[in-house]
């Protein structure tokens, strides 16, 4: 597999600069960080959530774990994880577990952990388990647009 077509189309139209980096196949974002020799704090991973209104992406560093409670409190409504079948339907051009953290490419709102806000460079899955996207933190913030930001990770 290669870069998800919807993501590739979105990035090519966005006007941002990015690089694609191939790596050995990995099953988790933490293993991707190791394979690419990139700090796990600089790899953004996406978790698909749902509420009464629909679906959203929570975006956080690969090194952290999502707090559903923190997201629910921030949005003032009950949030739950989307099921695998729902994720496959929402991201049909992505490999299982390789959802890119750019909701706009898939018409989905985002909530972004504040620890990603000041990164100079950011990396993320390109829709498969063998390719990551590298771009400046500034460009990622531009693509995140009106995403809400806050503390959505479990405290370490």
N, C-alpha and C. Protein backbone atom coordinates (compact mmCIF):
# COMPACT_ATOMS: atom_id res chain seq x y z
N UNK A 1 0.84 -1.18 0.00
CA UNK A 1 0.00 0.00 0.00
C UNK A 1 0.89 1.24 0.00
N UNK A 2 0.31 2.38 -0.30
CA UNK A 2 1.07 3.63 -0.28
C UNK A 2 0.20 4.71 0.34
N UNK A 3 0.59 5.94 0.15
CA UNK A 3 -0.15 7.06 0.73
C UNK A 3 -1.63 6.96 0.36
N UNK A 4 -2.49 7.18 1.35
CA UNK A 4 -3.93 7.14 1.10
C UNK A 4 -4.29 8.19 0.06
N UNK A 5 -5.03 7.80 -0.99
CA UNK A 5 -5.36 8.75 -2.06
C UNK A 5 -6.05 10.03 -1.59
N UNK A 6 -6.98 9.93 -0.63
CA UNK A 6 -7.65 11.14 -0.15
C UNK A 6 -6.67 12.06 0.55
N UNK A 7 -5.77 11.49 1.34
CA UNK A 7 -4.76 12.30 2.02
C UNK A 7 -3.83 12.94 0.99
N UNK A 8 -3.37 12.16 0.04
CA UNK A 8 -2.47 12.68 -0.98
C UNK A 8 -3.12 13.84 -1.75
N UNK A 9 -4.38 13.67 -2.13
CA UNK A 9 -5.11 14.73 -2.83
C UNK A 9 -5.22 15.98 -1.95
N UNK A 10 -5.57 15.79 -0.69
CA UNK A 10 -5.71 16.91 0.25
C UNK A 10 -4.38 17.65 0.42
N UNK A 11 -3.30 16.91 0.63
CA UNK A 11 -2.00 17.55 0.82
C UNK A 11 -1.54 18.28 -0.43
N UNK A 12 -1.76 17.68 -1.59
CA UNK A 12 -1.29 18.32 -2.83
C UNK A 12 -2.05 19.62 -3.10
N UNK A 13 -3.29 19.73 -2.65
CA UNK A 13 -4.08 20.95 -2.85
C UNK A 13 -3.88 21.97 -1.74
N UNK A 14 -3.27 21.58 -0.64
CA UNK A 14 -3.18 22.44 0.55
C UNK A 14 -2.15 23.55 0.45
N UNK A 15 -1.15 23.37 -0.41
CA UNK A 15 -0.12 24.39 -0.54
C UNK A 15 0.98 24.30 0.50
N UNK A 16 0.97 23.25 1.33
CA UNK A 16 2.03 23.09 2.32
C UNK A 16 3.15 22.22 1.74
N UNK A 17 4.31 22.35 2.34
CA UNK A 17 5.45 21.54 1.94
C UNK A 17 5.53 20.32 2.85
N UNK A 18 5.74 19.17 2.26
CA UNK A 18 5.85 17.94 3.05
C UNK A 18 6.72 16.93 2.31
N UNK A 19 7.22 15.97 3.06
CA UNK A 19 8.00 14.88 2.49
C UNK A 19 7.35 13.57 2.91
N UNK A 20 7.47 12.58 2.05
CA UNK A 20 7.04 11.23 2.39
C UNK A 20 8.29 10.41 2.67
N UNK A 21 8.25 9.66 3.76
CA UNK A 21 9.39 8.84 4.15
C UNK A 21 8.93 7.38 4.25
N UNK A 22 9.59 6.52 3.51
CA UNK A 22 9.30 5.08 3.58
C UNK A 22 10.07 4.50 4.76
N UNK A 23 9.51 3.45 5.35
CA UNK A 23 10.18 2.77 6.46
C UNK A 23 9.75 1.31 6.47
N UNK A 24 10.43 0.52 7.26
CA UNK A 24 10.04 -0.89 7.38
C UNK A 24 8.62 -0.94 7.93
N UNK A 25 7.83 -1.94 7.54
CA UNK A 25 6.46 -2.04 8.05
C UNK A 25 6.44 -2.11 9.57
N UNK A 26 5.53 -1.34 10.17
CA UNK A 26 5.38 -1.30 11.62
C UNK A 26 3.90 -1.41 11.98
N UNK A 27 3.64 -1.91 13.17
CA UNK A 27 2.25 -2.12 13.60
C UNK A 27 1.74 -1.02 14.53
N UNK A 28 2.64 -0.23 15.11
CA UNK A 28 2.21 0.82 16.03
C UNK A 28 2.98 2.11 15.74
N UNK A 29 2.44 3.21 16.20
CA UNK A 29 3.13 4.50 16.00
C UNK A 29 4.42 4.56 16.81
N UNK A 30 4.48 3.88 17.94
CA UNK A 30 5.73 3.84 18.71
C UNK A 30 6.82 3.09 17.94
N UNK A 31 6.44 2.00 17.29
CA UNK A 31 7.42 1.26 16.46
C UNK A 31 7.82 2.07 15.23
N UNK A 32 6.88 2.84 14.70
CA UNK A 32 7.20 3.71 13.58
C UNK A 32 8.26 4.73 14.00
N UNK A 33 8.08 5.31 15.19
CA UNK A 33 9.06 6.29 15.70
C UNK A 33 10.44 5.66 15.76
N UNK A 34 10.51 4.45 16.28
CA UNK A 34 11.80 3.77 16.39
C UNK A 34 12.38 3.46 15.01
N UNK A 35 11.56 2.95 14.10
CA UNK A 35 12.03 2.60 12.75
C UNK A 35 12.54 3.82 12.00
N UNK A 36 11.90 4.96 12.23
CA UNK A 36 12.28 6.20 11.52
C UNK A 36 13.27 7.05 12.29
N UNK A 37 13.63 6.59 13.49
CA UNK A 37 14.54 7.34 14.35
C UNK A 37 14.05 8.77 14.58
N UNK A 38 12.76 8.85 14.93
CA UNK A 38 12.08 10.11 15.21
C UNK A 38 11.55 10.03 16.63
N UNK A 39 11.72 11.08 17.44
CA UNK A 39 11.14 11.04 18.78
C UNK A 39 9.62 10.81 18.72
N UNK A 40 9.12 9.90 19.55
CA UNK A 40 7.69 9.56 19.54
C UNK A 40 6.82 10.77 19.86
N UNK A 41 7.35 11.76 20.57
CA UNK A 41 6.60 12.99 20.86
C UNK A 41 6.34 13.81 19.60
N UNK A 42 7.09 13.54 18.53
CA UNK A 42 6.94 14.30 17.29
C UNK A 42 6.07 13.58 16.26
N UNK A 43 5.60 12.39 16.60
CA UNK A 43 4.71 11.65 15.71
C UNK A 43 3.28 11.84 16.21
N UNK A 44 2.45 12.39 15.35
CA UNK A 44 1.04 12.60 15.70
C UNK A 44 0.24 11.37 15.27
N UNK A 45 -0.53 10.84 16.21
CA UNK A 45 -1.40 9.71 15.87
C UNK A 45 -2.84 10.15 16.00
N UNK A 46 -3.70 9.48 15.26
CA UNK A 46 -5.12 9.82 15.26
C UNK A 46 -5.92 8.69 15.90
N UNK A 47 -6.88 9.09 16.72
CA UNK A 47 -7.82 8.15 17.32
C UNK A 47 -9.21 8.61 16.89
N UNK A 48 -10.00 7.69 16.33
CA UNK A 48 -11.33 8.03 15.85
C UNK A 48 -12.33 7.89 16.99
N UNK A 49 -13.05 8.98 17.24
CA UNK A 49 -14.03 9.04 18.32
C UNK A 49 -15.41 9.32 17.74
N UNK A 50 -16.43 9.07 18.56
CA UNK A 50 -17.78 9.43 18.13
C UNK A 50 -18.56 9.99 19.31
N UNK A 51 -19.49 10.86 18.95
CA UNK A 51 -20.43 11.41 19.91
C UNK A 51 -21.80 11.40 19.24
N UNK A 52 -22.77 12.08 19.81
CA UNK A 52 -24.13 12.08 19.23
C UNK A 52 -24.17 12.70 17.84
N UNK A 53 -23.29 13.65 17.58
CA UNK A 53 -23.30 14.36 16.30
C UNK A 53 -22.57 13.62 15.19
N UNK A 54 -21.69 12.69 15.54
CA UNK A 54 -20.94 11.98 14.52
C UNK A 54 -19.54 11.63 14.98
N UNK A 55 -18.61 11.69 14.06
CA UNK A 55 -17.24 11.25 14.32
C UNK A 55 -16.29 12.44 14.36
N UNK A 56 -15.17 12.23 15.02
CA UNK A 56 -14.11 13.23 15.08
C UNK A 56 -12.78 12.51 15.28
N UNK A 57 -11.71 13.22 15.00
CA UNK A 57 -10.37 12.69 15.24
C UNK A 57 -9.77 13.37 16.45
N UNK A 58 -9.24 12.57 17.34
CA UNK A 58 -8.41 13.09 18.43
C UNK A 58 -6.97 12.88 17.97
N UNK A 59 -6.16 13.92 18.05
CA UNK A 59 -4.78 13.85 17.57
C UNK A 59 -3.86 14.10 18.76
N UNK A 60 -2.92 13.18 18.96
CA UNK A 60 -2.03 13.25 20.10
C UNK A 60 -0.68 12.64 19.74
N UNK A 61 0.33 12.91 20.56
CA UNK A 61 1.65 12.32 20.29
C UNK A 61 1.61 10.80 20.43
N UNK A 62 2.41 10.12 19.63
CA UNK A 62 2.49 8.66 19.68
C UNK A 62 2.91 8.16 21.05
N UNK A 63 3.62 8.98 21.78
CA UNK A 63 4.14 8.58 23.09
C UNK A 63 3.09 8.64 24.20
N UNK A 64 1.92 9.14 23.90
CA UNK A 64 0.89 9.36 24.94
C UNK A 64 -0.34 8.50 24.69
N UNK A 65 -1.22 8.45 25.69
CA UNK A 65 -2.49 7.73 25.60
C UNK A 65 -3.63 8.72 25.75
N UNK A 66 -4.69 8.50 25.00
CA UNK A 66 -5.85 9.37 25.02
C UNK A 66 -6.65 9.20 26.31
N UNK A 67 -7.15 10.29 26.83
CA UNK A 67 -8.08 10.27 27.96
C UNK A 67 -9.47 10.60 27.44
N UNK A 68 -10.33 9.59 27.35
CA UNK A 68 -11.70 9.84 26.91
C UNK A 68 -12.41 10.80 27.87
N UNK A 69 -12.08 10.69 29.13
CA UNK A 69 -12.68 11.59 30.13
C UNK A 69 -12.32 13.04 29.82
N UNK A 70 -11.04 13.29 29.51
CA UNK A 70 -10.61 14.67 29.22
C UNK A 70 -11.32 15.21 27.98
N UNK A 71 -11.47 14.38 26.96
CA UNK A 71 -12.16 14.83 25.75
C UNK A 71 -13.63 15.09 26.06
N UNK A 72 -14.27 14.18 26.78
CA UNK A 72 -15.68 14.35 27.15
C UNK A 72 -15.88 15.63 27.96
N UNK A 73 -14.99 15.89 28.91
CA UNK A 73 -15.10 17.11 29.71
C UNK A 73 -14.88 18.36 28.87
N UNK A 74 -13.92 18.31 27.97
CA UNK A 74 -13.64 19.47 27.12
C UNK A 74 -14.83 19.80 26.22
N UNK A 75 -15.45 18.76 25.68
CA UNK A 75 -16.57 18.96 24.76
C UNK A 75 -17.93 18.99 25.47
N UNK A 76 -17.91 18.70 26.76
CA UNK A 76 -19.13 18.67 27.57
C UNK A 76 -20.17 17.72 27.00
N UNK A 77 -19.68 16.54 26.60
CA UNK A 77 -20.58 15.48 26.15
C UNK A 77 -19.85 14.15 26.14
N UNK A 78 -20.64 13.10 26.19
CA UNK A 78 -20.06 11.75 26.27
C UNK A 78 -19.42 11.37 24.94
N UNK A 79 -18.17 10.92 25.02
CA UNK A 79 -17.40 10.52 23.84
C UNK A 79 -17.03 9.06 23.99
N UNK A 80 -17.00 8.34 22.88
CA UNK A 80 -16.54 6.96 22.91
C UNK A 80 -15.68 6.67 21.69
N UNK A 81 -14.93 5.58 21.77
CA UNK A 81 -14.11 5.17 20.65
C UNK A 81 -14.99 4.62 19.54
N UNK A 82 -14.64 4.91 18.29
CA UNK A 82 -15.34 4.31 17.16
C UNK A 82 -14.92 2.85 17.05
N UNK A 83 -15.81 2.03 16.53
CA UNK A 83 -15.52 0.61 16.33
C UNK A 83 -14.73 0.42 15.05
N UNK A 84 -13.99 -0.68 14.98
CA UNK A 84 -13.14 -0.97 13.82
C UNK A 84 -13.93 -0.90 12.51
N UNK A 85 -15.14 -1.45 12.48
CA UNK A 85 -15.95 -1.44 11.25
C UNK A 85 -16.29 -0.01 10.83
N UNK A 86 -16.54 0.85 11.81
CA UNK A 86 -16.84 2.25 11.50
C UNK A 86 -15.61 2.95 10.93
N UNK A 87 -14.46 2.66 11.52
CA UNK A 87 -13.21 3.28 11.05
C UNK A 87 -12.91 2.85 9.63
N UNK A 88 -13.09 1.57 9.34
CA UNK A 88 -12.85 1.08 7.97
C UNK A 88 -13.78 1.76 6.98
N UNK A 89 -15.02 2.01 7.37
CA UNK A 89 -15.98 2.68 6.50
C UNK A 89 -15.59 4.16 6.30
N UNK A 90 -15.13 4.81 7.36
CA UNK A 90 -14.76 6.23 7.29
C UNK A 90 -13.45 6.47 6.56
N UNK A 91 -12.53 5.50 6.63
CA UNK A 91 -11.20 5.62 6.03
C UNK A 91 -10.93 4.43 5.11
N UNK A 92 -11.73 4.30 4.04
CA UNK A 92 -11.61 3.10 3.19
C UNK A 92 -10.29 2.99 2.44
N UNK A 93 -9.58 4.09 2.29
CA UNK A 93 -8.31 4.06 1.55
C UNK A 93 -7.11 3.92 2.48
N UNK A 94 -7.35 3.66 3.77
CA UNK A 94 -6.26 3.52 4.74
C UNK A 94 -6.19 2.09 5.26
N UNK A 95 -4.98 1.69 5.59
CA UNK A 95 -4.80 0.39 6.24
C UNK A 95 -5.33 0.49 7.66
N UNK A 96 -5.76 -0.64 8.20
CA UNK A 96 -6.27 -0.67 9.58
C UNK A 96 -5.17 -0.17 10.52
N UNK A 97 -5.51 0.81 11.36
CA UNK A 97 -4.56 1.34 12.33
C UNK A 97 -3.62 2.39 11.79
N UNK A 98 -3.87 2.89 10.59
CA UNK A 98 -2.98 3.89 9.98
C UNK A 98 -3.75 5.14 9.54
N UNK A 99 -4.67 5.58 10.37
CA UNK A 99 -5.49 6.76 10.06
C UNK A 99 -4.63 8.02 10.15
N UNK A 100 -4.59 8.83 9.09
CA UNK A 100 -3.84 10.09 9.15
C UNK A 100 -4.53 11.10 10.08
N UNK A 101 -3.76 11.92 10.78
CA UNK A 101 -4.35 12.86 11.74
C UNK A 101 -4.76 14.19 11.13
N UNK A 102 -5.36 14.14 9.96
CA UNK A 102 -5.84 15.36 9.31
C UNK A 102 -7.31 15.18 8.95
N UNK A 103 -8.16 15.55 9.89
CA UNK A 103 -9.59 15.34 9.72
C UNK A 103 -10.18 15.99 8.49
N UNK A 104 -9.69 17.16 8.09
CA UNK A 104 -10.25 17.86 6.94
C UNK A 104 -10.16 17.02 5.66
N UNK A 105 -9.16 16.17 5.55
CA UNK A 105 -9.02 15.32 4.37
C UNK A 105 -10.19 14.34 4.25
N UNK A 106 -10.85 14.09 5.38
CA UNK A 106 -11.94 13.13 5.43
C UNK A 106 -13.25 13.78 5.91
N UNK A 107 -13.30 15.11 5.93
CA UNK A 107 -14.50 15.81 6.32
C UNK A 107 -14.87 15.63 7.78
N UNK A 108 -13.87 15.56 8.64
CA UNK A 108 -14.09 15.25 10.04
C UNK A 108 -13.44 16.31 10.93
N UNK A 109 -14.15 16.77 11.98
CA UNK A 109 -13.53 17.72 12.92
C UNK A 109 -12.43 17.04 13.72
N UNK A 110 -11.56 17.86 14.30
CA UNK A 110 -10.43 17.36 15.07
C UNK A 110 -10.37 18.05 16.42
N UNK A 111 -9.78 17.31 17.36
CA UNK A 111 -9.39 17.87 18.64
C UNK A 111 -7.93 17.47 18.83
N UNK A 112 -7.06 18.43 19.10
CA UNK A 112 -5.62 18.20 19.09
C UNK A 112 -5.04 18.43 20.48
N UNK A 113 -4.21 17.50 20.92
CA UNK A 113 -3.56 17.68 22.21
C UNK A 113 -2.60 18.86 22.14
N UNK A 114 -2.61 19.67 23.19
CA UNK A 114 -1.80 20.89 23.20
C UNK A 114 -0.30 20.63 23.14
N UNK A 115 0.15 19.42 23.47
CA UNK A 115 1.59 19.15 23.41
C UNK A 115 2.12 19.18 21.98
N UNK A 116 1.23 19.11 20.99
CA UNK A 116 1.67 19.18 19.59
C UNK A 116 1.75 20.62 19.07
N UNK A 117 1.29 21.56 19.85
CA UNK A 117 1.12 22.94 19.39
C UNK A 117 2.42 23.65 19.03
N UNK A 118 3.51 23.34 19.70
CA UNK A 118 4.73 24.12 19.47
C UNK A 118 5.85 23.33 18.80
N UNK A 119 5.52 22.20 18.20
CA UNK A 119 6.56 21.42 17.53
C UNK A 119 7.05 22.14 16.28
N UNK A 120 8.34 22.09 16.05
CA UNK A 120 8.90 22.69 14.84
C UNK A 120 8.69 21.77 13.64
N UNK A 121 8.61 20.47 13.90
CA UNK A 121 8.42 19.49 12.84
C UNK A 121 7.49 18.41 13.37
N UNK A 122 6.69 17.83 12.48
CA UNK A 122 5.74 16.81 12.90
C UNK A 122 5.69 15.71 11.85
N UNK A 123 5.46 14.49 12.30
CA UNK A 123 5.40 13.31 11.45
C UNK A 123 4.09 12.59 11.71
N UNK A 124 3.56 11.90 10.69
CA UNK A 124 2.34 11.13 10.91
C UNK A 124 2.15 10.09 9.80
N UNK A 125 1.31 9.09 10.13
CA UNK A 125 1.00 8.02 9.19
C UNK A 125 0.38 8.57 7.92
N UNK A 126 0.75 7.98 6.79
CA UNK A 126 0.24 8.42 5.50
C UNK A 126 -0.89 7.52 5.00
N UNK A 127 -1.43 6.69 5.89
CA UNK A 127 -2.53 5.81 5.51
C UNK A 127 -2.12 4.36 5.33
N UNK A 128 -0.83 4.09 5.51
CA UNK A 128 -0.35 2.71 5.48
C UNK A 128 0.62 2.52 6.64
N UNK A 129 1.26 1.40 6.68
CA UNK A 129 2.20 1.13 7.79
C UNK A 129 3.66 1.17 7.33
N UNK A 130 3.88 1.80 6.17
CA UNK A 130 5.23 1.87 5.61
C UNK A 130 5.64 3.26 5.18
N UNK A 131 4.78 4.24 5.39
CA UNK A 131 5.05 5.60 4.93
C UNK A 131 4.61 6.60 6.00
N UNK A 132 5.47 7.56 6.29
CA UNK A 132 5.05 8.67 7.14
C UNK A 132 5.25 9.98 6.39
N UNK A 133 4.48 10.96 6.80
CA UNK A 133 4.57 12.31 6.25
C UNK A 133 5.36 13.13 7.24
N UNK A 134 6.26 13.95 6.72
CA UNK A 134 7.01 14.90 7.55
C UNK A 134 6.68 16.30 7.04
N UNK A 135 6.34 17.19 7.96
CA UNK A 135 6.10 18.58 7.59
C UNK A 135 6.42 19.48 8.77
N UNK A 136 6.47 20.76 8.52
CA UNK A 136 6.74 21.69 9.61
C UNK A 136 5.53 21.73 10.54
N UNK A 137 5.79 22.02 11.79
CA UNK A 137 4.71 22.19 12.75
C UNK A 137 3.78 23.31 12.34
N UNK A 138 4.35 24.36 11.78
CA UNK A 138 3.53 25.50 11.31
C UNK A 138 2.55 25.06 10.24
N UNK A 139 3.01 24.24 9.28
CA UNK A 139 2.12 23.77 8.23
C UNK A 139 1.05 22.84 8.79
N UNK A 140 1.43 21.99 9.75
CA UNK A 140 0.44 21.12 10.37
C UNK A 140 -0.62 21.94 11.08
N UNK A 141 -0.21 22.96 11.81
CA UNK A 141 -1.17 23.82 12.52
C UNK A 141 -2.10 24.51 11.52
N UNK A 142 -1.56 24.90 10.37
CA UNK A 142 -2.39 25.51 9.33
C UNK A 142 -3.44 24.52 8.85
N UNK A 143 -3.03 23.27 8.63
CA UNK A 143 -3.97 22.25 8.15
C UNK A 143 -4.99 21.87 9.23
N UNK A 144 -4.59 21.96 10.48
CA UNK A 144 -5.52 21.65 11.57
C UNK A 144 -6.61 22.71 11.68
N UNK A 145 -6.34 23.88 11.11
CA UNK A 145 -7.35 24.94 11.03
C UNK A 145 -8.01 25.26 12.34
N UNK A 146 -9.31 25.09 12.39
CA UNK A 146 -10.09 25.47 13.56
C UNK A 146 -10.25 24.35 14.58
N UNK A 147 -9.36 23.38 14.54
CA UNK A 147 -9.43 22.27 15.50
C UNK A 147 -9.33 22.82 16.92
N UNK A 148 -10.05 22.19 17.83
CA UNK A 148 -9.93 22.55 19.24
C UNK A 148 -8.64 21.97 19.78
N UNK A 149 -8.02 22.70 20.70
CA UNK A 149 -6.78 22.26 21.33
C UNK A 149 -6.98 22.20 22.84
N UNK A 150 -6.33 21.23 23.45
CA UNK A 150 -6.41 21.13 24.90
C UNK A 150 -5.65 19.90 25.38
N UNK A 151 -5.78 19.64 26.67
CA UNK A 151 -5.12 18.47 27.27
C UNK A 151 -6.05 17.28 27.12
N UNK A 152 -5.72 16.38 26.21
CA UNK A 152 -6.58 15.21 25.98
C UNK A 152 -5.84 13.90 26.26
N UNK A 153 -4.65 13.99 26.79
CA UNK A 153 -3.86 12.79 27.09
C UNK A 153 -3.95 12.46 28.58
N UNK A 154 -3.74 11.19 28.89
CA UNK A 154 -3.64 10.79 30.28
C UNK A 154 -2.41 11.45 30.86
N UNK A 155 -2.50 11.87 32.10
CA UNK A 155 -1.35 12.50 32.76
C UNK A 155 -0.28 11.46 33.06
N UNK A 156 0.95 11.81 32.81
CA UNK A 156 2.05 10.87 33.03
C UNK A 156 2.63 11.06 34.40
